[in-house]
Amino acid sequence: METTRLSSKGQVVIPKSVRVHCKLEPGDEFSVEETDEGILLKPLSTFVGTELDQVFGCLAFSGRPRTLEEMEAGIRKRAEQFRARR
């Protein structure tokens, strides 16, 4: 078991062996949870950056193409549903 300490700024250094094993990189973000046993850090999942040409057309679609107005209406509807849940 490795140990670390809390700095005066509230920072904790994760030991290198743990960072390497968990493939953690500078800038990674974590959720912080209080548990009965202490503090639990969970890395937040990150997406690998992609370019549009790498993913364009990767999802199959059957049906007629939607108009810009139909797409905007669908976005508006989902935004309203999202706001209603908050």
PDB file of N, CA and C in Angstrom:
ATOM      1  N   MET A   1       0.848  -1.178   0.000  1.00  0.00           N
ATOM      2  CA  MET A   1       0.000   0.000   0.000  1.00  0.00           C
ATOM      3  C   MET A   1       0.890   1.236   0.000  1.00  0.00           C
ATOM      4  N   GLU A   2       0.567   2.177  -0.855  1.00  0.00           N
ATOM      5  CA  GLU A   2       1.308   3.422  -0.916  1.00  0.00           C
ATOM      6  C   GLU A   2       0.542   4.488  -0.151  1.00  0.00           C
ATOM      7  N   THR A   3       1.254   5.515   0.273  1.00  0.00           N
ATOM      8  CA  THR A   3       0.607   6.610   0.993  1.00  0.00           C
ATOM      9  C   THR A   3       0.870   7.918   0.275  1.00  0.00           C
ATOM     10  N   THR A   4       0.076   8.913   0.589  1.00  0.00           N
ATOM     11  CA  THR A   4       0.236  10.259   0.041  1.00  0.00           C
ATOM     12  C   THR A   4      -0.237  11.221   1.105  1.00  0.00           C
ATOM     13  N   ARG A   5      -0.133  12.507   0.851  1.00  0.00           N
ATOM     14  CA  ARG A   5      -0.616  13.466   1.848  1.00  0.00           C
ATOM     15  C   ARG A   5      -1.349  14.607   1.164  1.00  0.00           C
ATOM     16  N   LEU A   6      -2.164  15.282   1.940  1.00  0.00           N
ATOM     17  CA  LEU A   6      -2.964  16.401   1.463  1.00  0.00           C
ATOM     18  C   LEU A   6      -2.144  17.675   1.578  1.00  0.00           C
ATOM     19  N   SER A   7      -2.068  18.446   0.480  1.00  0.00           N
ATOM     20  CA  SER A   7      -1.311  19.697   0.514  1.00  0.00           C
ATOM     21  C   SER A   7      -2.148  20.801   1.159  1.00  0.00           C
ATOM     22  N   SER A   8      -1.514  21.930   1.425  1.00  0.00           N
ATOM     23  CA  SER A   8      -2.228  23.071   2.009  1.00  0.00           C
ATOM     24  C   SER A   8      -3.292  23.621   1.061  1.00  0.00           C
ATOM     25  N   LYS A   9      -3.176  23.264  -0.225  1.00  0.00           N
ATOM     26  CA  LYS A   9      -4.169  23.694  -1.212  1.00  0.00           C
ATOM     27  C   LYS A   9      -5.256  22.639  -1.428  1.00  0.00           C
ATOM     28  N   GLY A  10      -5.246  21.569  -0.648  1.00  0.00           N
ATOM     29  CA  GLY A  10      -6.257  20.522  -0.789  1.00  0.00           C
ATOM     30  C   GLY A  10      -5.958  19.542  -1.899  1.00  0.00           C
ATOM     31  N   GLN A  11      -4.714  19.502  -2.371  1.00  0.00           N
ATOM     32  CA  GLN A  11      -4.345  18.608  -3.459  1.00  0.00           C
ATOM     33  C   GLN A  11      -3.752  17.315  -2.921  1.00  0.00           C
ATOM     34  N   VAL A  12      -4.030  16.225  -3.635  1.00  0.00           N
ATOM     35  CA  VAL A  12      -3.494  14.911  -3.292  1.00  0.00           C
ATOM     36  C   VAL A  12      -2.757  14.376  -4.511  1.00  0.00           C
ATOM     37  N   VAL A  13      -1.542  13.886  -4.302  1.00  0.00           N
ATOM     38  CA  VAL A  13      -0.780  13.289  -5.394  1.00  0.00           C
ATOM     39  C   VAL A  13      -1.092  11.798  -5.436  1.00  0.00           C
ATOM     40  N   ILE A  14      -1.516  11.326  -6.612  1.00  0.00           N
ATOM     41  CA  ILE A  14      -1.754   9.890  -6.791  1.00  0.00           C
ATOM     42  C   ILE A  14      -0.405   9.272  -7.141  1.00  0.00           C
ATOM     43  N   PRO A  15       0.037   8.270  -6.375  1.00  0.00           N
ATOM     44  CA  PRO A  15       1.355   7.674  -6.633  1.00  0.00           C
ATOM     45  C   PRO A  15       1.503   7.210  -8.084  1.00  0.00           C
ATOM     46  N   LYS A  16       2.734   7.329  -8.600  1.00  0.00           N
ATOM     47  CA  LYS A  16       3.011   7.024  -9.995  1.00  0.00           C
ATOM     48  C   LYS A  16       2.596   5.609 -10.375  1.00  0.00           C
ATOM     49  N   SER A  17       2.857   4.637  -9.507  1.00  0.00           N
ATOM     50  CA  SER A  17       2.509   3.250  -9.848  1.00  0.00           C
ATOM     51  C   SER A  17       1.001   3.100 -10.069  1.00  0.00           C
ATOM     52  N   VAL A  18       0.193   3.836  -9.309  1.00  0.00           N
ATOM     53  CA  VAL A  18      -1.265   3.793  -9.465  1.00  0.00           C
ATOM     54  C   VAL A  18      -1.656   4.503 -10.762  1.00  0.00           C
ATOM     55  N   ARG A  19      -1.042   5.673 -11.037  1.00  0.00           N
ATOM     56  CA  ARG A  19      -1.348   6.405 -12.278  1.00  0.00           C
ATOM     57  C   ARG A  19      -1.037   5.557 -13.499  1.00  0.00           C
ATOM     58  N   VAL A  20       0.095   4.855 -13.461  1.00  0.00           N
ATOM     59  CA  VAL A  20       0.483   4.014 -14.603  1.00  0.00           C
ATOM     60  C   VAL A  20      -0.485   2.845 -14.746  1.00  0.00           C
ATOM     61  N   HIS A  21      -0.770   2.173 -13.647  1.00  0.00           N
ATOM     62  CA  HIS A  21      -1.659   1.003 -13.685  1.00  0.00           C
ATOM     63  C   HIS A  21      -3.054   1.375 -14.177  1.00  0.00           C
ATOM     64  N   CYS A  22      -3.552   2.536 -13.747  1.00  0.00           N
ATOM     65  CA  CYS A  22      -4.910   2.968 -14.116  1.00  0.00           C
ATOM     66  C   CYS A  22      -4.929   3.815 -15.388  1.00  0.00           C
ATOM     67  N   LYS A  23      -3.752   4.003 -15.999  1.00  0.00           N
ATOM     68  CA  LYS A  23      -3.622   4.790 -17.235  1.00  0.00           C
ATOM     69  C   LYS A  23      -4.186   6.203 -17.063  1.00  0.00           C
ATOM     70  N   LEU A  24      -3.831   6.847 -15.948  1.00  0.00           N
ATOM     71  CA  LEU A  24      -4.279   8.205 -15.679  1.00  0.00           C
ATOM     72  C   LEU A  24      -3.305   9.193 -16.294  1.00  0.00           C
ATOM     73  N   GLU A  25      -3.842  10.272 -16.812  1.00  0.00           N
ATOM     74  CA  GLU A  25      -3.049  11.305 -17.475  1.00  0.00           C
ATOM     75  C   GLU A  25      -3.326  12.655 -16.823  1.00  0.00           C
ATOM     76  N   PRO A  26      -2.375  13.594 -16.917  1.00  0.00           N
ATOM     77  CA  PRO A  26      -2.638  14.942 -16.412  1.00  0.00           C
ATOM     78  C   PRO A  26      -3.901  15.510 -17.055  1.00  0.00           C
ATOM     79  N   GLY A  27      -4.726  16.144 -16.251  1.00  0.00           N
ATOM     80  CA  GLY A  27      -5.971  16.721 -16.755  1.00  0.00           C
ATOM     81  C   GLY A  27      -7.171  15.796 -16.643  1.00  0.00           C
ATOM     82  N   ASP A  28      -6.954  14.503 -16.323  1.00  0.00           N
ATOM     83  CA  ASP A  28      -8.089  13.595 -16.132  1.00  0.00           C
ATOM     84  C   ASP A  28      -8.966  14.130 -15.002  1.00  0.00           C
ATOM     85  N   GLU A  29     -10.262  13.940 -15.128  1.00  0.00           N
ATOM     86  CA  GLU A  29     -11.210  14.399 -14.113  1.00  0.00           C
ATOM     87  C   GLU A  29     -11.789  13.219 -13.352  1.00  0.00           C
ATOM     88  N   PHE A  30     -12.179  13.475 -12.101  1.00  0.00           N
ATOM     89  CA  PHE A  30     -12.685  12.432 -11.222  1.00  0.00           C
ATOM     90  C   PHE A  30     -13.953  12.901 -10.536  1.00  0.00           C
ATOM     91  N   SER A  31     -14.836  11.954 -10.246  1.00  0.00           N
ATOM     92  CA  SER A  31     -15.921  12.248  -9.324  1.00  0.00           C
ATOM     93  C   SER A  31     -15.386  11.918  -7.929  1.00  0.00           C
ATOM     94  N   VAL A  32     -15.843  12.660  -6.929  1.00  0.00           N
ATOM     95  CA  VAL A  32     -15.384  12.466  -5.554  1.00  0.00           C
ATOM     96  C   VAL A  32     -16.592  12.077  -4.729  1.00  0.00           C
ATOM     97  N   GLU A  33     -16.524  10.912  -4.077  1.00  0.00           N
ATOM     98  CA  GLU A  33     -17.646  10.427  -3.281  1.00  0.00           C
ATOM     99  C   GLU A  33     -17.184  10.119  -1.862  1.00  0.00           C
ATOM    100  N   GLU A  34     -17.996  10.515  -0.906  1.00  0.00           N
ATOM    101  CA  GLU A  34     -17.743  10.131   0.480  1.00  0.00           C
ATOM    102  C   GLU A  34     -18.392   8.772   0.706  1.00  0.00           C
ATOM    103  N   THR A  35     -17.650   7.840   1.279  1.00  0.00           N
ATOM    104  CA  THR A  35     -18.183   6.516   1.587  1.00  0.00           C
ATOM    105  C   THR A  35     -17.962   6.248   3.070  1.00  0.00           C
ATOM    106  N   ASP A  36     -18.522   5.160   3.566  1.00  0.00           N
ATOM    107  CA  ASP A  36     -18.307   4.780   4.963  1.00  0.00           C
ATOM    108  C   ASP A  36     -16.836   4.493   5.248  1.00  0.00           C
ATOM    109  N   GLU A  37     -16.101   4.083   4.212  1.00  0.00           N
ATOM    110  CA  GLU A  37     -14.694   3.729   4.383  1.00  0.00           C
ATOM    111  C   GLU A  37     -13.748   4.896   4.116  1.00  0.00           C
ATOM    112  N   GLY A  38     -14.238   6.008   3.567  1.00  0.00           N
ATOM    113  CA  GLY A  38     -13.380   7.147   3.278  1.00  0.00           C
ATOM    114  C   GLY A  38     -13.814   7.870   2.024  1.00  0.00           C
ATOM    115  N   ILE A  39     -12.850   8.295   1.245  1.00  0.00           N
ATOM    116  CA  ILE A  39     -13.104   9.062   0.032  1.00  0.00           C
ATOM    117  C   ILE A  39     -12.810   8.183  -1.181  1.00  0.00           C
ATOM    118  N   LEU A  40     -13.717   8.180  -2.133  1.00  0.00           N
ATOM    119  CA  LEU A  40     -13.563   7.376  -3.341  1.00  0.00           C
ATOM    120  C   LEU A  40     -13.442   8.303  -4.541  1.00  0.00           C
ATOM    121  N   LEU A  41     -12.346   8.175  -5.283  1.00  0.00           N
ATOM    122  CA  LEU A  41     -12.155   8.919  -6.534  1.00  0.00           C
ATOM    123  C   LEU A  41     -12.464   7.987  -7.689  1.00  0.00           C
ATOM    124  N   LYS A  42     -13.349   8.425  -8.576  1.00  0.00           N
ATOM    125  CA  LYS A  42     -13.683   7.625  -9.756  1.00  0.00           C
ATOM    126  C   LYS A  42     -13.344   8.431 -10.992  1.00  0.00           C
ATOM    127  N   PRO A  43     -12.456   7.906 -11.852  1.00  0.00           N
ATOM    128  CA  PRO A  43     -12.160   8.634 -13.085  1.00  0.00           C
ATOM    129  C   PRO A  43     -13.428   8.769 -13.931  1.00  0.00           C
ATOM    130  N   LEU A  44     -13.637   9.972 -14.458  1.00  0.00           N
ATOM    131  CA  LEU A  44     -14.748  10.181 -15.369  1.00  0.00           C
ATOM    132  C   LEU A  44     -14.311   9.693 -16.733  1.00  0.00           C
ATOM    133  N   SER A  45     -15.208   9.035 -17.428  1.00  0.00           N
ATOM    134  CA  SER A  45     -14.838   8.522 -18.750  1.00  0.00           C
ATOM    135  C   SER A  45     -14.654   9.686 -19.703  1.00  0.00           C
ATOM    136  N   THR A  46     -13.697   9.554 -20.555  1.00  0.00           N
ATOM    137  CA  THR A  46     -13.433  10.581 -21.556  1.00  0.00           C
ATOM    138  C   THR A  46     -13.511   9.953 -22.935  1.00  0.00           C
ATOM    139  N   PHE A  47     -13.845  10.756 -23.887  1.00  0.00           N
ATOM    140  CA  PHE A  47     -13.928  10.293 -25.260  1.00  0.00           C
ATOM    141  C   PHE A  47     -12.654  10.685 -25.982  1.00  0.00           C
ATOM    142  N   VAL A  48     -12.188   9.802 -26.794  1.00  0.00           N
ATOM    143  CA  VAL A  48     -11.041  10.099 -27.627  1.00  0.00           C
ATOM    144  C   VAL A  48     -11.492  11.057 -28.718  1.00  0.00           C
ATOM    145  N   GLY A  49     -10.715  12.105 -28.933  1.00  0.00           N
ATOM    146  CA  GLY A  49     -11.062  13.080 -29.964  1.00  0.00           C
ATOM    147  C   GLY A  49     -11.076  12.446 -31.347  1.00  0.00           C
ATOM    148  N   THR A  50     -12.041  12.827 -32.158  1.00  0.00           N
ATOM    149  CA  THR A  50     -12.136  12.320 -33.523  1.00  0.00           C
ATOM    150  C   THR A  50     -12.406  13.480 -34.471  1.00  0.00           C
ATOM    151  N   GLU A  51     -12.166  13.245 -35.702  1.00  0.00           N
ATOM    152  CA  GLU A  51     -12.496  14.196 -36.757  1.00  0.00           C
ATOM    153  C   GLU A  51     -13.772  13.731 -37.438  1.00  0.00           C
ATOM    154  N   LEU A  52     -14.509  14.662 -38.015  1.00  0.00           N
ATOM    155  CA  LEU A  52     -15.778  14.339 -38.653  1.00  0.00           C
ATOM    156  C   LEU A  52     -15.622  13.256 -39.713  1.00  0.00           C
ATOM    157  N   ASP A  53     -14.559  13.330 -40.511  1.00  0.00           N
ATOM    158  CA  ASP A  53     -14.403  12.339 -41.584  1.00  0.00           C
ATOM    159  C   ASP A  53     -14.146  10.928 -41.049  1.00  0.00           C
ATOM    160  N   GLN A  54     -13.749  10.818 -39.770  1.00  0.00           N
ATOM    161  CA  GLN A  54     -13.537   9.499 -39.175  1.00  0.00           C
ATOM    162  C   GLN A  54     -14.852   8.828 -38.783  1.00  0.00           C
ATOM    163  N   VAL A  55     -15.888   9.610 -38.541  1.00  0.00           N
ATOM    164  CA  VAL A  55     -17.150   9.046 -38.061  1.00  0.00           C
ATOM    165  C   VAL A  55     -18.337   9.304 -38.984  1.00  0.00           C
ATOM    166  N   PHE A  56     -18.164  10.146 -39.986  1.00  0.00           N
ATOM    167  CA  PHE A  56     -19.268  10.481 -40.872  1.00  0.00           C
ATOM    168  C   PHE A  56     -19.811   9.222 -41.543  1.00  0.00           C
ATOM    169  N   GLY A  57     -21.107   9.046 -41.444  1.00  0.00           N
ATOM    170  CA  GLY A  57     -21.749   7.913 -42.098  1.00  0.00           C
ATOM    171  C   GLY A  57     -21.615   6.596 -41.362  1.00  0.00           C
ATOM    172  N   CYS A  58     -21.141   6.616 -40.110  1.00  0.00           N
ATOM    173  CA  CYS A  58     -20.930   5.350 -39.407  1.00  0.00           C
ATOM    174  C   CYS A  58     -22.237   4.751 -38.884  1.00  0.00           C
ATOM    175  N   LEU A  59     -23.286   5.533 -38.779  1.00  0.00           N
ATOM    176  CA  LEU A  59     -24.570   5.013 -38.326  1.00  0.00           C
ATOM    177  C   LEU A  59     -25.488   4.825 -39.520  1.00  0.00           C
ATOM    178  N   ALA A  60     -26.007   3.622 -39.639  1.00  0.00           N
ATOM    179  CA  ALA A  60     -26.912   3.338 -40.744  1.00  0.00           C
ATOM    180  C   ALA A  60     -28.242   4.051 -40.511  1.00  0.00           C
ATOM    181  N   PHE A  61     -28.837   4.555 -41.567  1.00  0.00           N
ATOM    182  CA  PHE A  61     -30.134   5.222 -41.475  1.00  0.00           C
ATOM    183  C   PHE A  61     -30.994   4.766 -42.633  1.00  0.00           C
ATOM    184  N   SER A  62     -32.199   4.386 -42.298  1.00  0.00           N
ATOM    185  CA  SER A  62     -33.144   4.061 -43.367  1.00  0.00           C
ATOM    186  C   SER A  62     -34.359   4.956 -43.179  1.00  0.00           C
ATOM    187  N   GLY A  63     -34.888   5.415 -44.241  1.00  0.00           N
ATOM    188  CA  GLY A  63     -36.026   6.325 -44.181  1.00  0.00           C
ATOM    189  C   GLY A  63     -35.735   7.568 -44.985  1.00  0.00           C
ATOM    190  N   ARG A  64     -36.707   8.435 -45.010  1.00  0.00           N
ATOM    191  CA  ARG A  64     -36.531   9.648 -45.799  1.00  0.00           C
ATOM    192  C   ARG A  64     -35.676  10.647 -45.023  1.00  0.00           C
ATOM    193  N   PRO A  65     -34.904  11.453 -45.721  1.00  0.00           N
ATOM    194  CA  PRO A  65     -34.103  12.480 -45.054  1.00  0.00           C
ATOM    195  C   PRO A  65     -35.018  13.490 -44.364  1.00  0.00           C
ATOM    196  N   ARG A  66     -34.611  13.981 -43.216  1.00  0.00           N
ATOM    197  CA  ARG A  66     -35.393  14.985 -42.486  1.00  0.00           C
ATOM    198  C   ARG A  66     -35.033  16.376 -42.987  1.00  0.00           C
ATOM    199  N   THR A  67     -36.013  17.261 -42.918  1.00  0.00           N
ATOM    200  CA  THR A  67     -35.759  18.649 -43.298  1.00  0.00           C
ATOM    201  C   THR A  67     -35.100  19.364 -42.127  1.00  0.00           C
ATOM    202  N   LEU A  68     -34.519  20.507 -42.391  1.00  0.00           N
ATOM    203  CA  LEU A  68     -33.912  21.306 -41.334  1.00  0.00           C
ATOM    204  C   LEU A  68     -34.948  21.678 -40.280  1.00  0.00           C
ATOM    205  N   GLU A  69     -36.152  21.998 -40.717  1.00  0.00           N
ATOM    206  CA  GLU A  69     -37.227  22.361 -39.785  1.00  0.00           C
ATOM    207  C   GLU A  69     -37.582  21.179 -38.872  1.00  0.00           C
ATOM    208  N   GLU A  70     -37.640  19.968 -39.436  1.00  0.00           N
ATOM    209  CA  GLU A  70     -37.943  18.778 -38.630  1.00  0.00           C
ATOM    210  C   GLU A  70     -36.829  18.518 -37.606  1.00  0.00           C
ATOM    211  N   MET A  71     -35.581  18.702 -38.025  1.00  0.00           N
ATOM    212  CA  MET A  71     -34.464  18.499 -37.097  1.00  0.00           C
ATOM    213  C   MET A  71     -34.506  19.520 -35.964  1.00  0.00           C
ATOM    214  N   GLU A  72     -34.762  20.781 -36.293  1.00  0.00           N
ATOM    215  CA  GLU A  72     -34.838  21.818 -35.269  1.00  0.00           C
ATOM    216  C   GLU A  72     -35.993  21.553 -34.305  1.00  0.00           C
ATOM    217  N   ALA A  73     -37.128  21.088 -34.832  1.00  0.00           N
ATOM    218  CA  ALA A  73     -38.274  20.762 -33.978  1.00  0.00           C
ATOM    219  C   ALA A  73     -37.926  19.611 -33.036  1.00  0.00           C
ATOM    220  N   GLY A  74     -37.211  18.620 -33.536  1.00  0.00           N
ATOM    221  CA  GLY A  74     -36.801  17.500 -32.693  1.00  0.00           C
ATOM    222  C   GLY A  74     -35.842  17.935 -31.596  1.00  0.00           C
ATOM    223  N   ILE A  75     -34.905  18.805 -31.935  1.00  0.00           N
ATOM    224  CA  ILE A  75     -33.964  19.322 -30.937  1.00  0.00           C
ATOM    225  C   ILE A  75     -34.707  20.130 -29.887  1.00  0.00           C
ATOM    226  N   ARG A  76     -35.639  20.981 -30.320  1.00  0.00           N
ATOM    227  CA  ARG A  76     -36.428  21.789 -29.396  1.00  0.00           C
ATOM    228  C   ARG A  76     -37.227  20.900 -28.432  1.00  0.00           C
ATOM    229  N   LYS A  77     -37.833  19.845 -28.974  1.00  0.00           N
ATOM    230  CA  LYS A  77     -38.638  18.935 -28.158  1.00  0.00           C
ATOM    231  C   LYS A  77     -37.775  18.271 -27.087  1.00  0.00           C
ATOM    232  N   ARG A  78     -36.600  17.760 -27.475  1.00  0.00           N
ATOM    233  CA  ARG A  78     -35.716  17.096 -26.503  1.00  0.00           C
ATOM    234  C   ARG A  78     -35.196  18.086 -25.465  1.00  0.00           C
ATOM    235  N   ALA A  79     -34.909  19.328 -25.876  1.00  0.00           N
ATOM    236  CA  ALA A  79     -34.445  20.339 -24.930  1.00  0.00           C
ATOM    237  C   ALA A  79     -35.522  20.626 -23.899  1.00  0.00           C
ATOM    238  N   GLU A  80     -36.777  20.695 -24.338  1.00  0.00           N
ATOM    239  CA  GLU A  80     -37.893  20.937 -23.424  1.00  0.00           C
ATOM    240  C   GLU A  80     -38.056  19.757 -22.472  1.00  0.00           C
ATOM    241  N   GLN A  81     -37.917  18.541 -22.966  1.00  0.00           N
ATOM    242  CA  GLN A  81     -38.000  17.356 -22.097  1.00  0.00           C
ATOM    243  C   GLN A  81     -36.876  17.371 -21.064  1.00  0.00           C
ATOM    244  N   PHE A  82     -35.684  17.767 -21.492  1.00  0.00           N
ATOM    245  CA  PHE A  82     -34.530  17.817 -20.593  1.00  0.00           C
ATOM    246  C   PHE A  82     -34.780  18.841 -19.498  1.00  0.00           C
ATOM    247  N   ARG A  83     -35.257  20.049 -19.874  1.00  0.00           N
ATOM    248  CA  ARG A  83     -35.538  21.092 -18.898  1.00  0.00           C
ATOM    249  C   ARG A  83     -36.623  20.663 -17.916  1.00  0.00           C
ATOM    250  N   ALA A  84     -37.617  19.922 -18.379  1.00  0.00           N
ATOM    251  CA  ALA A  84     -38.719  19.480 -17.523  1.00  0.00           C
ATOM    252  C   ALA A  84     -38.235  18.512 -16.443  1.00  0.00           C
ATOM    253  N   ARG A  85     -37.180  17.759 -16.729  1.00  0.00           N
ATOM    254  CA  ARG A  85     -36.654  16.799 -15.757  1.00  0.00           C
ATOM    255  C   ARG A  85     -35.851  17.474 -14.655  1.00  0.00           C
ATOM    256  N   ARG A  86     -35.383  18.673 -14.870  1.00  0.00           N
ATOM    257  CA  ARG A  86     -34.547  19.367 -13.874  1.00  0.00           C
ATOM    258  C   ARG A  86     -35.372  19.980 -12.855  1.00  0.00           C
TER     259      ARG A  86
END
